[in-house]
Amino acid sequence: MLLLKRSLVETCMAAGAAADPNEFLGLLEGERTKIDGADSLLLTRLIVPPGLSVDGWSAGYLPWMLPPSVSEWGTFHSHPTSSARPSRADIALASKEGGVHLLICRPYTAGKLIAYGGNGGHIQFKIVP
């Protein structure tokens, strides 16, 4: 099961809105845990990656500059449009960076946050305190 800390969701909403009309890209940190006996991934923090560059159509960073202490489980990305559909580039990035991709679009509310896997398929998630 995929779990998202409420503070992470709030940070994602704020980052998407603040970057508009550009995209935003961040890395997701978290940890494996057990909830009610089931293996879960709890995503807890958004990291602004080194060398971040964004515009209205794309976002990128310099992965070789990440410190080894960063335990990334995926990426977060915003679209400054009303579509939360991932592009091929979004899916490719998610497959390289932990396999979980959170995507948010206007108006940058929790209801506009969607999780995808590295293959572009939807992942159900739960927001936790």
C-alpha atoms as a PDB file:
ATOM      1  CA  MET A   1       0.000   0.000   0.000  1.00  0.00           C
ATOM      2  CA  LEU A   2       1.175   3.524  -0.764  1.00  0.00           C
ATOM      3  CA  LEU A   3       0.824   6.014   2.089  1.00  0.00           C
ATOM      4  CA  LEU A   4       1.420   9.763   1.848  1.00  0.00           C
ATOM      5  CA  LYS A   5       2.014  11.931   4.900  1.00  0.00           C
ATOM      6  CA  ARG A   6      -0.442  14.822   4.954  1.00  0.00           C
ATOM      7  CA  SER A   7       2.477  17.261   5.311  1.00  0.00           C
ATOM      8  CA  LEU A   8       3.969  15.860   2.067  1.00  0.00           C
ATOM      9  CA  VAL A   9       0.663  16.363   0.231  1.00  0.00           C
ATOM     10  CA  GLU A  10       0.457  19.940   1.528  1.00  0.00           C
ATOM     11  CA  THR A  11       4.036  20.585   0.378  1.00  0.00           C
ATOM     12  CA  CYS A  12       3.256  19.184  -3.083  1.00  0.00           C
ATOM     13  CA  MET A  13       0.185  21.421  -3.408  1.00  0.00           C
ATOM     14  CA  ALA A  14       2.186  24.483  -2.363  1.00  0.00           C
ATOM     15  CA  ALA A  15       5.128  23.656  -4.665  1.00  0.00           C
ATOM     16  CA  GLY A  16       2.880  23.211  -7.693  1.00  0.00           C
ATOM     17  CA  ALA A  17       1.050  26.474  -7.032  1.00  0.00           C
ATOM     18  CA  ALA A  18       4.263  28.412  -6.332  1.00  0.00           C
ATOM     19  CA  ALA A  19       5.944  27.203  -9.531  1.00  0.00           C
ATOM     20  CA  ASP A  20       2.939  27.983 -11.768  1.00  0.00           C
ATOM     21  CA  PRO A  21       3.080  28.813 -14.715  1.00  0.00           C
ATOM     22  CA  ASN A  22       6.154  26.555 -14.746  1.00  0.00           C
ATOM     23  CA  GLU A  23       6.373  22.912 -13.844  1.00  0.00           C
ATOM     24  CA  PHE A  24       7.962  21.711 -10.612  1.00  0.00           C
ATOM     25  CA  LEU A  25       9.988  18.573  -9.995  1.00  0.00           C
ATOM     26  CA  GLY A  26      11.017  17.072  -6.686  1.00  0.00           C
ATOM     27  CA  LEU A  27      12.222  13.791  -5.262  1.00  0.00           C
ATOM     28  CA  LEU A  28      10.216  11.772  -2.752  1.00  0.00           C
ATOM     29  CA  GLU A  29      11.773  10.352   0.384  1.00  0.00           C
ATOM     30  CA  GLY A  30      10.148   7.718   2.500  1.00  0.00           C
ATOM     31  CA  GLU A  31      10.489   4.362   4.153  1.00  0.00           C
ATOM     32  CA  ARG A  32       9.146   0.859   3.990  1.00  0.00           C
ATOM     33  CA  THR A  33       6.845   0.043   6.884  1.00  0.00           C
ATOM     34  CA  LYS A  34       4.151  -2.409   7.960  1.00  0.00           C
ATOM     35  CA  ILE A  35       0.587  -1.210   8.483  1.00  0.00           C
ATOM     36  CA  ASP A  36      -1.866  -3.770   9.871  1.00  0.00           C
ATOM     37  CA  GLY A  37       0.604  -6.496   8.875  1.00  0.00           C
ATOM     38  CA  ALA A  38       0.804  -5.352   5.250  1.00  0.00           C
ATOM     39  CA  ASP A  39       3.984  -4.075   3.623  1.00  0.00           C
ATOM     40  CA  SER A  40       3.598  -0.395   2.812  1.00  0.00           C
ATOM     41  CA  LEU A  41       5.620   2.475   1.426  1.00  0.00           C
ATOM     42  CA  LEU A  42       5.244   5.660   3.451  1.00  0.00           C
ATOM     43  CA  LEU A  43       6.322   8.778   1.536  1.00  0.00           C
ATOM     44  CA  THR A  44       7.232  11.527   3.962  1.00  0.00           C
ATOM     45  CA  ARG A  45       9.261  14.321   2.377  1.00  0.00           C
ATOM     46  CA  LEU A  46       9.796  16.312  -0.817  1.00  0.00           C
ATOM     47  CA  ILE A  47      13.383  17.175  -1.748  1.00  0.00           C
ATOM     48  CA  VAL A  48      14.291  19.893  -4.233  1.00  0.00           C
ATOM     49  CA  PRO A  49      17.009  18.227  -6.327  1.00  0.00           C
ATOM     50  CA  PRO A  50      20.314  19.898  -7.230  1.00  0.00           C
ATOM     51  CA  GLY A  51      20.474  21.721 -10.542  1.00  0.00           C
ATOM     52  CA  LEU A  52      16.683  21.950 -10.838  1.00  0.00           C
ATOM     53  CA  SER A  53      15.589  23.656 -14.042  1.00  0.00           C
ATOM     54  CA  VAL A  54      11.948  24.197 -14.958  1.00  0.00           C
ATOM     55  CA  ASP A  55       9.790  25.895 -17.533  1.00  0.00           C
ATOM     56  CA  GLY A  56       6.190  25.650 -18.697  1.00  0.00           C
ATOM     57  CA  TRP A  57       6.778  22.338 -20.503  1.00  0.00           C
ATOM     58  CA  SER A  58       9.471  20.438 -18.664  1.00  0.00           C
ATOM     59  CA  ALA A  59      11.562  20.024 -15.551  1.00  0.00           C
ATOM     60  CA  GLY A  60      14.927  18.414 -14.926  1.00  0.00           C
ATOM     61  CA  TYR A  61      17.801  18.147 -12.461  1.00  0.00           C
ATOM     62  CA  LEU A  62      21.351  16.842 -12.115  1.00  0.00           C
ATOM     63  CA  PRO A  63      21.010  13.350 -10.556  1.00  0.00           C
ATOM     64  CA  TRP A  64      24.777  12.804 -10.245  1.00  0.00           C
ATOM     65  CA  MET A  65      24.894  15.692  -7.742  1.00  0.00           C
ATOM     66  CA  LEU A  66      22.581  13.987  -5.216  1.00  0.00           C
ATOM     67  CA  PRO A  67      24.268  13.081  -1.947  1.00  0.00           C
ATOM     68  CA  PRO A  68      24.339   9.319  -1.282  1.00  0.00           C
ATOM     69  CA  SER A  69      22.352   9.852   1.927  1.00  0.00           C
ATOM     70  CA  VAL A  70      19.178  10.660  -0.025  1.00  0.00           C
ATOM     71  CA  SER A  71      16.855   7.647  -0.039  1.00  0.00           C
ATOM     72  CA  GLU A  72      14.575   8.474  -2.923  1.00  0.00           C
ATOM     73  CA  TRP A  73      11.497   6.400  -3.664  1.00  0.00           C
ATOM     74  CA  GLY A  74      10.187   8.383  -6.579  1.00  0.00           C
ATOM     75  CA  THR A  75       9.410  11.788  -7.993  1.00  0.00           C
ATOM     76  CA  PHE A  76       6.842  14.531  -7.706  1.00  0.00           C
ATOM     77  CA  HIS A  77       5.920  16.638 -10.698  1.00  0.00           C
ATOM     78  CA  SER A  78       3.402  19.395 -11.338  1.00  0.00           C
ATOM     79  CA  HIS A  79       1.609  20.285 -14.547  1.00  0.00           C
ATOM     80  CA  PRO A  80       0.565  23.947 -14.927  1.00  0.00           C
ATOM     81  CA  THR A  81      -2.548  22.775 -16.780  1.00  0.00           C
ATOM     82  CA  SER A  82      -5.739  20.983 -15.807  1.00  0.00           C
ATOM     83  CA  SER A  83      -4.358  17.589 -16.944  1.00  0.00           C
ATOM     84  CA  ALA A  84      -2.697  15.164 -14.556  1.00  0.00           C
ATOM     85  CA  ARG A  85      -1.997  12.705 -17.369  1.00  0.00           C
ATOM     86  CA  PRO A  86       1.704  11.729 -17.374  1.00  0.00           C
ATOM     87  CA  SER A  87       3.761  12.176 -20.520  1.00  0.00           C
ATOM     88  CA  ARG A  88       6.152   9.502 -21.773  1.00  0.00           C
ATOM     89  CA  ALA A  89       8.987  11.531 -20.256  1.00  0.00           C
ATOM     90  CA  ASP A  90       7.146  11.578 -16.898  1.00  0.00           C
ATOM     91  CA  ILE A  91       6.753   7.790 -16.969  1.00  0.00           C
ATOM     92  CA  ALA A  92      10.389   7.278 -17.975  1.00  0.00           C
ATOM     93  CA  LEU A  93      11.540   9.468 -15.082  1.00  0.00           C
ATOM     94  CA  ALA A  94       9.305   7.609 -12.624  1.00  0.00           C
ATOM     95  CA  SER A  95      10.691   4.251 -13.753  1.00  0.00           C
ATOM     96  CA  LYS A  96      14.271   5.481 -13.142  1.00  0.00           C
ATOM     97  CA  GLU A  97      13.648   7.269  -9.850  1.00  0.00           C
ATOM     98  CA  GLY A  98      12.043   4.753  -7.534  1.00  0.00           C
ATOM     99  CA  GLY A  99       9.024   3.831  -9.600  1.00  0.00           C
ATOM    100  CA  VAL A 100       6.472   6.044  -7.820  1.00  0.00           C
ATOM    101  CA  HIS A 101       5.455   9.279  -9.468  1.00  0.00           C
ATOM    102  CA  LEU A 102       3.116  11.805  -7.878  1.00  0.00           C
ATOM    103  CA  LEU A 103       1.586  14.257 -10.289  1.00  0.00           C
ATOM    104  CA  ILE A 104      -0.562  17.282  -9.479  1.00  0.00           C
ATOM    105  CA  CYS A 105      -2.263  19.782 -11.744  1.00  0.00           C
ATOM    106  CA  ARG A 106      -4.289  22.971 -11.381  1.00  0.00           C
ATOM    107  CA  PRO A 107      -5.887  23.956  -9.073  1.00  0.00           C
ATOM    108  CA  TYR A 108      -3.251  22.106  -6.967  1.00  0.00           C
ATOM    109  CA  THR A 109      -5.600  20.496  -4.451  1.00  0.00           C
ATOM    110  CA  ALA A 110      -5.318  17.047  -2.865  1.00  0.00           C
ATOM    111  CA  GLY A 111      -8.099  15.900  -5.198  1.00  0.00           C
ATOM    112  CA  LYS A 112      -5.873  16.681  -8.183  1.00  0.00           C
ATOM    113  CA  LEU A 113      -2.964  14.568  -6.883  1.00  0.00           C
ATOM    114  CA  ILE A 114      -2.512  11.268  -8.710  1.00  0.00           C
ATOM    115  CA  ALA A 115       0.045   8.482  -8.222  1.00  0.00           C
ATOM    116  CA  TYR A 116       1.479   6.478 -11.117  1.00  0.00           C
ATOM    117  CA  GLY A 117       3.939   3.634 -11.337  1.00  0.00           C
ATOM    118  CA  GLY A 118       6.904   3.372 -13.659  1.00  0.00           C
ATOM    119  CA  ASN A 119       4.676   1.823 -16.310  1.00  0.00           C
ATOM    120  CA  GLY A 120       2.131   4.683 -16.173  1.00  0.00           C
ATOM    121  CA  GLY A 121      -0.517   2.673 -14.309  1.00  0.00           C
ATOM    122  CA  HIS A 122      -2.440   4.309 -11.468  1.00  0.00           C
ATOM    123  CA  ILE A 123      -1.445   3.510  -7.889  1.00  0.00           C
ATOM    124  CA  GLN A 124      -4.024   3.891  -5.145  1.00  0.00           C
ATOM    125  CA  PHE A 125      -2.808   5.775  -2.082  1.00  0.00           C
ATOM    126  CA  LYS A 126      -3.981   6.864   1.313  1.00  0.00           C
ATOM    127  CA  ILE A 127      -3.186  10.174   3.004  1.00  0.00           C
ATOM    128  CA  VAL A 128      -2.149   9.702   6.640  1.00  0.00           C
ATOM    129  CA  PRO A 129      -1.437  12.174   9.476  1.00  0.00           C
END
